[in-house]
């Protein structure tokens, strides 16, 4: 369960599944506000589950 501070609520705009052996899934999220200080490794929650 994500217990951080929620700064923005968005919606999943697209889901792409890679064909690579690493089985990577890429989510594209549409949101009004994208925090300018967001960095790789920051905590991102989807439906209450942290995806970091």
Foldseek 3Di string as FASTA:
>chain_A
DDDDDDDWDWAFPDWDFDPDPVGDIDTDTDTPDDDPPDDPPDWDDDPRRTPD
